[in-house]
N, C-alpha and C. Protein backbone atom coordinates (compact mmCIF):
# COMPACT_ATOMS: atom_id res chain seq x y z
N UNK A 1 -13.36 3.78 5.08
CA UNK A 1 -11.99 4.00 5.55
C UNK A 1 -12.02 4.83 6.82
N UNK A 2 -11.31 4.37 7.80
CA UNK A 2 -11.18 5.09 9.07
C UNK A 2 -9.96 6.00 8.97
N UNK A 3 -10.06 7.20 9.51
CA UNK A 3 -8.95 8.15 9.41
C UNK A 3 -7.71 7.71 10.18
N UNK A 4 -7.91 7.22 11.38
CA UNK A 4 -6.76 6.86 12.21
C UNK A 4 -6.96 5.48 12.81
N UNK A 5 -5.98 4.64 12.63
CA UNK A 5 -5.98 3.33 13.26
C UNK A 5 -4.82 3.28 14.23
N UNK A 6 -5.00 2.60 15.36
CA UNK A 6 -3.82 2.29 16.11
C UNK A 6 -3.21 1.07 15.43
N UNK A 7 -1.98 0.76 15.73
CA UNK A 7 -1.28 -0.29 14.98
C UNK A 7 -1.95 -1.65 15.12
N UNK A 8 -2.42 -1.99 16.32
CA UNK A 8 -3.08 -3.28 16.52
C UNK A 8 -4.34 -3.41 15.67
N UNK A 9 -5.12 -2.34 15.58
CA UNK A 9 -6.32 -2.35 14.73
C UNK A 9 -5.93 -2.55 13.27
N UNK A 10 -4.90 -1.85 12.85
CA UNK A 10 -4.45 -1.95 11.47
C UNK A 10 -3.99 -3.37 11.14
N UNK A 11 -3.25 -3.99 12.05
CA UNK A 11 -2.79 -5.36 11.84
C UNK A 11 -3.97 -6.33 11.76
N UNK A 12 -5.05 -6.03 12.46
CA UNK A 12 -6.22 -6.90 12.43
C UNK A 12 -7.00 -6.77 11.12
N UNK A 13 -7.04 -5.57 10.54
CA UNK A 13 -7.83 -5.41 9.31
C UNK A 13 -7.07 -5.79 8.06
N UNK A 14 -5.73 -5.78 8.11
CA UNK A 14 -4.95 -6.15 6.93
C UNK A 14 -5.09 -7.66 6.72
N UNK A 15 -5.52 -8.03 5.53
CA UNK A 15 -5.70 -9.44 5.21
C UNK A 15 -5.37 -9.67 3.75
N UNK A 16 -5.30 -10.92 3.37
CA UNK A 16 -5.08 -11.27 1.97
C UNK A 16 -6.44 -11.27 1.28
N UNK A 17 -6.71 -10.19 0.56
CA UNK A 17 -7.99 -10.07 -0.14
C UNK A 17 -7.90 -10.73 -1.51
N UNK A 18 -8.95 -11.50 -1.82
CA UNK A 18 -8.99 -12.21 -3.10
C UNK A 18 -10.29 -11.93 -3.86
N UNK A 19 -10.94 -10.84 -3.50
CA UNK A 19 -12.15 -10.41 -4.19
C UNK A 19 -12.15 -8.89 -4.19
N UNK A 20 -12.21 -8.31 -5.40
CA UNK A 20 -12.07 -6.86 -5.53
C UNK A 20 -13.22 -6.25 -6.31
N UNK A 21 -13.52 -5.01 -5.98
CA UNK A 21 -14.46 -4.21 -6.76
C UNK A 21 -13.76 -3.77 -8.04
N UNK A 22 -14.53 -3.41 -9.03
CA UNK A 22 -13.96 -2.96 -10.31
C UNK A 22 -13.44 -1.53 -10.26
N UNK A 23 -13.68 -0.82 -9.16
CA UNK A 23 -13.28 0.58 -9.03
C UNK A 23 -11.78 0.76 -9.23
N UNK A 24 -11.38 1.75 -10.01
CA UNK A 24 -9.94 2.01 -10.16
C UNK A 24 -9.35 2.56 -8.85
N UNK A 25 -8.07 2.38 -8.69
CA UNK A 25 -7.37 2.90 -7.51
C UNK A 25 -6.68 4.20 -7.93
N UNK A 26 -6.91 5.24 -7.17
CA UNK A 26 -6.36 6.55 -7.49
C UNK A 26 -4.83 6.52 -7.39
N UNK A 27 -4.19 7.21 -8.34
CA UNK A 27 -2.72 7.25 -8.38
C UNK A 27 -2.15 7.81 -7.08
N UNK A 28 -2.78 8.83 -6.50
CA UNK A 28 -2.28 9.44 -5.28
C UNK A 28 -2.26 8.43 -4.12
N UNK A 29 -3.25 7.55 -4.09
CA UNK A 29 -3.33 6.54 -3.04
C UNK A 29 -2.20 5.52 -3.22
N UNK A 30 -1.95 5.12 -4.46
CA UNK A 30 -0.85 4.18 -4.73
C UNK A 30 0.50 4.81 -4.40
N UNK A 31 0.64 6.09 -4.71
CA UNK A 31 1.89 6.79 -4.39
C UNK A 31 2.10 6.81 -2.88
N UNK A 32 1.03 7.00 -2.13
CA UNK A 32 1.15 7.00 -0.66
C UNK A 32 1.63 5.63 -0.16
N UNK A 33 1.14 4.55 -0.76
CA UNK A 33 1.59 3.20 -0.38
C UNK A 33 3.07 3.00 -0.71
N UNK A 34 3.48 3.45 -1.89
CA UNK A 34 4.88 3.32 -2.30
C UNK A 34 5.77 4.17 -1.39
N UNK A 35 5.31 5.35 -1.04
CA UNK A 35 6.09 6.22 -0.14
C UNK A 35 6.30 5.56 1.22
N UNK A 36 5.27 4.92 1.74
CA UNK A 36 5.40 4.23 3.02
C UNK A 36 6.38 3.07 2.90
N UNK A 37 6.34 2.35 1.78
CA UNK A 37 7.30 1.26 1.55
C UNK A 37 8.71 1.83 1.43
N UNK A 38 8.85 2.96 0.78
CA UNK A 38 10.15 3.61 0.58
C UNK A 38 10.82 3.94 1.91
N UNK A 39 10.02 4.22 2.91
CA UNK A 39 10.55 4.59 4.23
C UNK A 39 10.96 3.38 5.07
N UNK A 40 10.78 2.18 4.54
CA UNK A 40 11.09 0.96 5.28
C UNK A 40 12.57 0.87 5.63
N UNK A 41 12.86 0.28 6.78
CA UNK A 41 14.27 0.04 7.10
C UNK A 41 14.83 -1.09 6.24
N UNK A 42 16.13 -1.07 6.05
CA UNK A 42 16.81 -2.15 5.32
C UNK A 42 18.23 -2.26 5.84
N UNK A 43 18.82 -3.43 5.65
CA UNK A 43 20.18 -3.68 6.13
C UNK A 43 21.14 -2.67 5.50
N UNK A 44 21.85 -1.95 6.32
CA UNK A 44 22.80 -0.93 5.87
C UNK A 44 22.17 0.06 4.89
N UNK A 45 20.88 0.33 5.09
CA UNK A 45 20.12 1.26 4.24
C UNK A 45 20.25 0.92 2.75
N UNK A 46 20.31 -0.36 2.46
CA UNK A 46 20.52 -0.83 1.09
C UNK A 46 19.34 -0.55 0.16
N UNK A 47 18.11 -0.61 0.69
CA UNK A 47 16.90 -0.36 -0.09
C UNK A 47 16.89 -1.15 -1.40
N UNK A 48 16.99 -2.49 -1.32
CA UNK A 48 17.13 -3.30 -2.54
C UNK A 48 15.80 -3.63 -3.22
N UNK A 49 14.98 -2.63 -3.50
CA UNK A 49 13.68 -2.89 -4.09
C UNK A 49 13.31 -1.84 -5.11
N UNK A 50 12.45 -2.23 -6.01
CA UNK A 50 11.78 -1.31 -6.92
C UNK A 50 10.36 -1.83 -7.08
N UNK A 51 9.39 -0.95 -6.94
CA UNK A 51 7.99 -1.32 -7.08
C UNK A 51 7.51 -0.88 -8.47
N UNK A 52 7.05 -1.82 -9.27
CA UNK A 52 6.48 -1.49 -10.58
C UNK A 52 4.97 -1.59 -10.44
N UNK A 53 4.30 -0.46 -10.54
CA UNK A 53 2.85 -0.41 -10.40
C UNK A 53 2.24 -0.62 -11.78
N UNK A 54 1.49 -1.68 -11.92
CA UNK A 54 0.87 -2.01 -13.21
C UNK A 54 -0.62 -1.73 -13.09
N UNK A 55 -1.05 -0.61 -13.70
CA UNK A 55 -2.47 -0.25 -13.69
C UNK A 55 -3.05 -0.15 -15.09
N UNK A 56 -2.21 -0.29 -16.11
CA UNK A 56 -2.69 -0.38 -17.49
C UNK A 56 -3.45 -1.70 -17.62
N UNK A 57 -4.71 -1.64 -18.02
CA UNK A 57 -5.56 -2.82 -18.00
C UNK A 57 -4.97 -3.99 -18.79
N UNK A 58 -4.54 -3.73 -20.00
CA UNK A 58 -4.03 -4.82 -20.85
C UNK A 58 -2.78 -5.46 -20.22
N UNK A 59 -1.87 -4.64 -19.75
CA UNK A 59 -0.64 -5.17 -19.15
C UNK A 59 -0.95 -5.88 -17.83
N UNK A 60 -1.87 -5.31 -17.05
CA UNK A 60 -2.27 -5.94 -15.79
C UNK A 60 -2.87 -7.31 -16.05
N UNK A 61 -3.67 -7.44 -17.10
CA UNK A 61 -4.27 -8.73 -17.46
C UNK A 61 -3.20 -9.74 -17.87
N UNK A 62 -2.17 -9.28 -18.56
CA UNK A 62 -1.07 -10.18 -18.93
C UNK A 62 -0.36 -10.70 -17.67
N UNK A 63 -0.12 -9.79 -16.73
CA UNK A 63 0.54 -10.18 -15.48
C UNK A 63 -0.37 -11.14 -14.71
N UNK A 64 -1.67 -10.82 -14.65
CA UNK A 64 -2.62 -11.69 -13.95
C UNK A 64 -2.59 -13.09 -14.54
N UNK A 65 -2.58 -13.19 -15.84
CA UNK A 65 -2.55 -14.50 -16.50
C UNK A 65 -1.30 -15.29 -16.12
N UNK A 66 -0.19 -14.59 -15.94
CA UNK A 66 1.07 -15.25 -15.55
C UNK A 66 1.07 -15.69 -14.09
N UNK A 67 0.08 -15.24 -13.32
CA UNK A 67 0.05 -15.60 -11.90
C UNK A 67 -0.91 -16.75 -11.62
N UNK A 68 -1.61 -17.21 -12.63
CA UNK A 68 -2.62 -18.26 -12.45
C UNK A 68 -2.01 -19.61 -12.78
N UNK A 69 -2.22 -20.56 -11.89
CA UNK A 69 -1.74 -21.92 -12.14
C UNK A 69 -2.19 -22.85 -11.05
N UNK A 70 -2.48 -24.07 -11.40
CA UNK A 70 -2.93 -25.09 -10.46
C UNK A 70 -4.12 -24.61 -9.62
N UNK A 71 -4.99 -23.83 -10.27
CA UNK A 71 -6.18 -23.33 -9.57
C UNK A 71 -5.94 -22.14 -8.68
N UNK A 72 -4.73 -21.63 -8.66
CA UNK A 72 -4.40 -20.53 -7.75
C UNK A 72 -4.46 -19.18 -8.46
N UNK A 73 -4.76 -18.15 -7.68
CA UNK A 73 -4.65 -16.73 -8.07
C UNK A 73 -5.59 -16.29 -9.19
N UNK A 74 -6.71 -16.99 -9.38
CA UNK A 74 -7.68 -16.56 -10.40
C UNK A 74 -8.21 -15.16 -10.12
N UNK A 75 -8.19 -14.77 -8.86
CA UNK A 75 -8.70 -13.46 -8.44
C UNK A 75 -7.90 -12.29 -9.02
N UNK A 76 -6.69 -12.55 -9.52
CA UNK A 76 -5.85 -11.44 -10.01
C UNK A 76 -6.47 -10.74 -11.22
N UNK A 77 -7.39 -11.41 -11.90
CA UNK A 77 -8.09 -10.74 -13.00
C UNK A 77 -9.06 -9.69 -12.48
N UNK A 78 -9.51 -9.82 -11.23
CA UNK A 78 -10.46 -8.86 -10.64
C UNK A 78 -9.79 -7.58 -10.17
N UNK A 79 -8.57 -7.68 -9.68
CA UNK A 79 -7.95 -6.50 -9.07
C UNK A 79 -7.55 -5.50 -10.15
N UNK A 80 -7.70 -4.22 -9.87
CA UNK A 80 -7.36 -3.20 -10.87
C UNK A 80 -5.86 -2.91 -10.98
N UNK A 81 -5.08 -3.32 -9.98
CA UNK A 81 -3.64 -3.01 -9.96
C UNK A 81 -2.87 -4.23 -9.48
N UNK A 82 -1.75 -4.48 -10.12
CA UNK A 82 -0.79 -5.47 -9.61
C UNK A 82 0.55 -4.76 -9.52
N UNK A 83 1.21 -4.94 -8.38
CA UNK A 83 2.53 -4.35 -8.17
C UNK A 83 3.55 -5.48 -8.22
N UNK A 84 4.54 -5.32 -9.08
CA UNK A 84 5.65 -6.27 -9.14
C UNK A 84 6.78 -5.69 -8.30
N UNK A 85 7.30 -6.51 -7.40
CA UNK A 85 8.39 -6.08 -6.52
C UNK A 85 9.68 -6.66 -7.07
N UNK A 86 10.55 -5.78 -7.53
CA UNK A 86 11.80 -6.20 -8.14
C UNK A 86 12.92 -6.14 -7.11
N UNK A 87 13.71 -7.19 -7.07
CA UNK A 87 14.87 -7.26 -6.18
C UNK A 87 16.04 -6.55 -6.85
N UNK A 88 16.42 -5.42 -6.30
CA UNK A 88 17.54 -4.65 -6.81
C UNK A 88 18.82 -5.09 -6.10
N UNK A 89 19.95 -4.67 -6.62
CA UNK A 89 21.22 -5.01 -5.97
C UNK A 89 21.29 -4.36 -4.59
N UNK A 90 21.77 -5.14 -3.63
CA UNK A 90 21.99 -4.57 -2.31
C UNK A 90 23.34 -3.85 -2.31
N UNK A 91 23.53 -2.95 -1.37
CA UNK A 91 24.80 -2.24 -1.32
C UNK A 91 25.91 -3.17 -0.81
N UNK A 92 27.13 -2.70 -0.89
CA UNK A 92 28.30 -3.51 -0.58
C UNK A 92 28.26 -4.08 0.84
N UNK A 93 27.98 -3.24 1.83
CA UNK A 93 27.99 -3.69 3.22
C UNK A 93 26.91 -4.74 3.49
N UNK A 94 25.74 -4.54 2.93
CA UNK A 94 24.67 -5.51 3.10
C UNK A 94 25.03 -6.83 2.42
N UNK A 95 25.63 -6.73 1.26
CA UNK A 95 26.05 -7.92 0.52
C UNK A 95 27.10 -8.72 1.30
N UNK A 96 28.09 -8.02 1.85
CA UNK A 96 29.14 -8.68 2.65
C UNK A 96 28.53 -9.32 3.90
N UNK A 97 27.64 -8.58 4.56
CA UNK A 97 26.98 -9.10 5.75
C UNK A 97 26.17 -10.36 5.44
N UNK A 98 25.49 -10.37 4.29
CA UNK A 98 24.72 -11.55 3.88
C UNK A 98 25.62 -12.77 3.70
N UNK A 99 26.80 -12.55 3.13
CA UNK A 99 27.74 -13.66 2.91
C UNK A 99 28.31 -14.15 4.24
N UNK A 100 28.77 -13.23 5.05
CA UNK A 100 29.40 -13.60 6.33
C UNK A 100 28.41 -14.31 7.25
N UNK A 101 27.20 -13.82 7.33
CA UNK A 101 26.21 -14.38 8.25
C UNK A 101 25.29 -15.42 7.60
N UNK A 102 25.49 -15.69 6.31
CA UNK A 102 24.68 -16.67 5.58
C UNK A 102 23.18 -16.37 5.74
N UNK A 103 22.84 -15.10 5.55
CA UNK A 103 21.46 -14.64 5.62
C UNK A 103 21.22 -13.71 4.45
N UNK A 104 20.12 -13.93 3.75
CA UNK A 104 19.81 -13.11 2.59
C UNK A 104 19.08 -11.85 3.02
N UNK A 105 19.83 -10.85 3.48
CA UNK A 105 19.24 -9.63 4.03
C UNK A 105 18.31 -8.93 3.06
N UNK A 106 18.62 -8.98 1.77
CA UNK A 106 17.77 -8.25 0.82
C UNK A 106 16.35 -8.83 0.77
N UNK A 107 16.21 -10.13 0.98
CA UNK A 107 14.86 -10.71 1.01
C UNK A 107 14.12 -10.30 2.28
N UNK A 108 14.83 -10.20 3.41
CA UNK A 108 14.21 -9.67 4.63
C UNK A 108 13.73 -8.25 4.37
N UNK A 109 14.61 -7.46 3.75
CA UNK A 109 14.30 -6.05 3.48
C UNK A 109 13.06 -5.90 2.61
N UNK A 110 12.96 -6.72 1.57
CA UNK A 110 11.79 -6.67 0.69
C UNK A 110 10.54 -7.05 1.46
N UNK A 111 10.64 -8.05 2.33
CA UNK A 111 9.48 -8.44 3.14
C UNK A 111 8.98 -7.30 4.00
N UNK A 112 9.90 -6.57 4.60
CA UNK A 112 9.52 -5.43 5.44
C UNK A 112 8.85 -4.35 4.58
N UNK A 113 9.44 -4.03 3.44
CA UNK A 113 8.89 -2.98 2.57
C UNK A 113 7.50 -3.37 2.05
N UNK A 114 7.33 -4.62 1.66
CA UNK A 114 6.04 -5.09 1.16
C UNK A 114 5.00 -5.04 2.27
N UNK A 115 5.38 -5.43 3.47
CA UNK A 115 4.44 -5.36 4.58
C UNK A 115 4.01 -3.92 4.85
N UNK A 116 4.95 -3.00 4.82
CA UNK A 116 4.60 -1.59 5.04
C UNK A 116 3.68 -1.09 3.93
N UNK A 117 3.94 -1.48 2.68
CA UNK A 117 3.05 -1.13 1.57
C UNK A 117 1.63 -1.62 1.86
N UNK A 118 1.51 -2.88 2.26
CA UNK A 118 0.21 -3.50 2.49
C UNK A 118 -0.52 -2.90 3.69
N UNK A 119 0.21 -2.59 4.75
CA UNK A 119 -0.42 -1.95 5.91
C UNK A 119 -0.92 -0.56 5.56
N UNK A 120 -0.14 0.19 4.78
CA UNK A 120 -0.58 1.52 4.35
C UNK A 120 -1.82 1.40 3.48
N UNK A 121 -1.81 0.42 2.58
CA UNK A 121 -2.97 0.19 1.72
C UNK A 121 -4.22 -0.08 2.56
N UNK A 122 -4.07 -0.93 3.57
CA UNK A 122 -5.21 -1.26 4.44
C UNK A 122 -5.72 -0.01 5.16
N UNK A 123 -4.81 0.83 5.62
CA UNK A 123 -5.20 2.06 6.31
C UNK A 123 -5.96 3.01 5.38
N UNK A 124 -5.72 2.88 4.08
CA UNK A 124 -6.39 3.73 3.10
C UNK A 124 -7.63 3.08 2.49
N UNK A 125 -8.03 1.93 3.05
CA UNK A 125 -9.24 1.27 2.59
C UNK A 125 -9.05 0.30 1.44
N UNK A 126 -7.79 0.03 1.09
CA UNK A 126 -7.50 -0.90 0.00
C UNK A 126 -7.31 -2.31 0.53
N UNK A 127 -7.51 -3.27 -0.35
CA UNK A 127 -7.19 -4.65 -0.06
C UNK A 127 -5.96 -5.05 -0.85
N UNK A 128 -5.19 -5.97 -0.31
CA UNK A 128 -3.99 -6.46 -0.99
C UNK A 128 -3.87 -7.96 -0.77
N UNK A 129 -3.09 -8.58 -1.63
CA UNK A 129 -2.70 -9.97 -1.42
C UNK A 129 -1.27 -10.11 -1.94
N UNK A 130 -0.40 -10.62 -1.10
CA UNK A 130 1.00 -10.84 -1.49
C UNK A 130 1.06 -12.19 -2.19
N UNK A 131 1.62 -12.19 -3.39
CA UNK A 131 1.59 -13.39 -4.25
C UNK A 131 3.02 -13.83 -4.55
N UNK A 132 3.27 -15.09 -4.33
CA UNK A 132 4.58 -15.66 -4.64
C UNK A 132 4.53 -16.68 -5.76
N UNK A 133 3.33 -17.08 -6.17
CA UNK A 133 3.15 -18.09 -7.21
C UNK A 133 2.88 -17.39 -8.54
N UNK A 134 3.84 -17.39 -9.45
CA UNK A 134 3.66 -16.78 -10.76
C UNK A 134 4.82 -17.18 -11.66
N UNK A 135 4.62 -16.95 -12.96
CA UNK A 135 5.66 -17.25 -13.94
C UNK A 135 6.59 -16.03 -14.03
N UNK A 136 7.63 -16.06 -13.25
CA UNK A 136 8.54 -14.91 -13.14
C UNK A 136 9.17 -14.57 -14.49
N UNK A 137 9.58 -15.56 -15.23
CA UNK A 137 10.25 -15.33 -16.52
C UNK A 137 9.34 -14.54 -17.47
N UNK A 138 8.09 -14.92 -17.56
CA UNK A 138 7.16 -14.22 -18.45
C UNK A 138 6.89 -12.79 -17.96
N UNK A 139 6.73 -12.64 -16.65
CA UNK A 139 6.45 -11.30 -16.11
C UNK A 139 7.65 -10.38 -16.31
N UNK A 140 8.85 -10.91 -16.12
CA UNK A 140 10.06 -10.10 -16.36
C UNK A 140 10.09 -9.60 -17.80
N UNK A 141 9.70 -10.45 -18.73
CA UNK A 141 9.69 -10.06 -20.15
C UNK A 141 8.63 -8.98 -20.40
N UNK A 142 7.44 -9.16 -19.85
CA UNK A 142 6.36 -8.19 -20.03
C UNK A 142 6.76 -6.81 -19.50
N UNK A 143 7.43 -6.80 -18.35
CA UNK A 143 7.78 -5.54 -17.69
C UNK A 143 9.16 -5.00 -18.06
N UNK A 144 9.92 -5.76 -18.85
CA UNK A 144 11.26 -5.30 -19.24
C UNK A 144 12.24 -5.26 -18.09
N UNK A 145 12.15 -6.23 -17.19
CA UNK A 145 12.96 -6.22 -15.97
C UNK A 145 14.40 -6.68 -16.24
N UNK A 146 14.65 -7.43 -17.26
CA UNK A 146 16.02 -7.88 -17.53
C UNK A 146 16.44 -8.99 -16.60
N UNK A 147 17.66 -8.89 -16.07
CA UNK A 147 18.21 -9.99 -15.26
C UNK A 147 17.92 -9.86 -13.76
N UNK A 148 17.09 -8.95 -13.35
CA UNK A 148 16.70 -8.83 -11.94
C UNK A 148 15.64 -9.89 -11.60
N UNK A 149 15.48 -10.17 -10.31
CA UNK A 149 14.46 -11.11 -9.84
C UNK A 149 13.21 -10.35 -9.43
N UNK A 150 12.07 -11.01 -9.53
CA UNK A 150 10.80 -10.51 -9.02
C UNK A 150 10.32 -11.53 -8.00
N UNK A 151 10.63 -11.33 -6.72
CA UNK A 151 10.23 -12.33 -5.72
C UNK A 151 8.75 -12.32 -5.37
N UNK A 152 8.09 -11.16 -5.53
CA UNK A 152 6.69 -11.05 -5.10
C UNK A 152 5.88 -10.14 -6.02
N UNK A 153 4.60 -10.42 -6.07
CA UNK A 153 3.61 -9.53 -6.66
C UNK A 153 2.65 -9.14 -5.53
N UNK A 154 2.00 -7.99 -5.70
CA UNK A 154 0.97 -7.57 -4.75
C UNK A 154 -0.26 -7.19 -5.57
N UNK A 155 -1.39 -7.86 -5.33
CA UNK A 155 -2.64 -7.42 -5.94
C UNK A 155 -3.18 -6.28 -5.08
N UNK A 156 -3.76 -5.28 -5.73
CA UNK A 156 -4.25 -4.09 -5.01
C UNK A 156 -5.58 -3.67 -5.59
N UNK A 157 -6.51 -3.34 -4.72
CA UNK A 157 -7.81 -2.84 -5.15
C UNK A 157 -8.70 -2.61 -3.95
N UNK A 158 -9.90 -2.12 -4.22
CA UNK A 158 -10.87 -1.94 -3.15
C UNK A 158 -11.54 -3.29 -2.91
N UNK A 159 -11.46 -3.80 -1.68
CA UNK A 159 -11.98 -5.15 -1.41
C UNK A 159 -13.49 -5.23 -1.57
N UNK A 160 -13.94 -6.38 -2.05
CA UNK A 160 -15.36 -6.65 -2.21
C UNK A 160 -15.80 -7.77 -1.27
N UNK A 161 -15.22 -7.75 -0.08
CA UNK A 161 -15.59 -8.71 0.96
C UNK A 161 -15.26 -8.07 2.30
N UNK A 162 -15.83 -8.62 3.34
CA UNK A 162 -15.60 -8.05 4.66
C UNK A 162 -14.32 -8.60 5.29
N UNK A 163 -13.86 -7.93 6.32
CA UNK A 163 -12.67 -8.38 7.04
C UNK A 163 -13.01 -9.67 7.77
N UNK A 164 -12.17 -10.66 7.60
CA UNK A 164 -12.37 -11.96 8.23
C UNK A 164 -11.69 -11.99 9.60
N UNK A 165 -12.20 -12.85 10.47
CA UNK A 165 -11.51 -13.11 11.72
C UNK A 165 -10.23 -13.88 11.40
N UNK A 166 -9.15 -13.51 12.02
CA UNK A 166 -7.88 -14.18 11.77
C UNK A 166 -7.79 -15.45 12.60
N UNK A 167 -7.39 -16.53 11.96
CA UNK A 167 -7.16 -17.79 12.64
C UNK A 167 -5.65 -17.94 12.77
N UNK A 168 -5.16 -17.88 13.98
CA UNK A 168 -3.73 -17.94 14.23
C UNK A 168 -3.44 -18.91 15.36
N UNK A 169 -2.21 -19.38 15.41
CA UNK A 169 -1.77 -20.22 16.51
C UNK A 169 -1.90 -19.43 17.82
N UNK A 170 -2.14 -20.14 18.93
CA UNK A 170 -2.18 -19.44 20.21
C UNK A 170 -0.81 -18.81 20.51
N UNK A 171 -0.81 -17.71 21.23
CA UNK A 171 0.43 -16.99 21.53
C UNK A 171 1.44 -17.88 22.24
N UNK A 172 0.97 -18.82 23.08
CA UNK A 172 1.87 -19.72 23.81
C UNK A 172 2.58 -20.69 22.87
N UNK A 173 1.95 -20.98 21.73
CA UNK A 173 2.55 -21.91 20.78
C UNK A 173 3.58 -21.22 19.87
N UNK A 174 3.39 -19.93 19.62
CA UNK A 174 4.28 -19.25 18.68
C UNK A 174 5.30 -18.32 19.35
N UNK A 175 5.33 -18.36 20.68
CA UNK A 175 6.33 -17.55 21.38
C UNK A 175 6.72 -18.23 22.69
N UNK A 176 7.86 -17.84 23.21
CA UNK A 176 8.30 -18.35 24.52
C UNK A 176 9.20 -17.30 25.16
N UNK A 177 9.48 -17.49 26.41
CA UNK A 177 10.29 -16.55 27.15
C UNK A 177 11.60 -17.21 27.58
N UNK A 178 12.71 -16.64 27.19
CA UNK A 178 14.05 -16.99 27.67
C UNK A 178 14.59 -18.34 27.24
N UNK A 179 13.83 -19.15 26.58
CA UNK A 179 14.31 -20.42 26.03
C UNK A 179 13.31 -20.89 24.99
N UNK A 180 13.75 -21.85 24.17
CA UNK A 180 12.87 -22.40 23.14
C UNK A 180 11.74 -23.15 23.82
């Protein structure tokens, strides 16, 4: 772990890790990731998220099993922690804005918070993978979430692989100036 990263370096090292060491993740490190997510901006300061950190082995294994399907996400059994991101109610102004502008601001907000969580994790030497494929109904029951949605899971642990080179579209293909 490097003590200080500039933002570009941090963005380069953050990746979707799918191979983890068996080492447990310290609670203080997880709290630091949650704190960084907590500071995320959101529409009208709505903060429509709750992070459920699952580090109990038996419960984590149940969640991991619910994330496996069609050959995907088998790696979740390796990671020592899975974080379930619960979509909480947005505040009144954010809700009205979402209706008027036909944009689901709370999902944007969760994306920002999850990204900040993952960037902080990378800065602390952890690996993460944002997961959208899972049996939400079963996970909600395991975690006692009730009628709230769980749009994302995050696997967390110390990575057991090196940082890969990122393959991305050329900048000219994914951006333009002053017109489409």
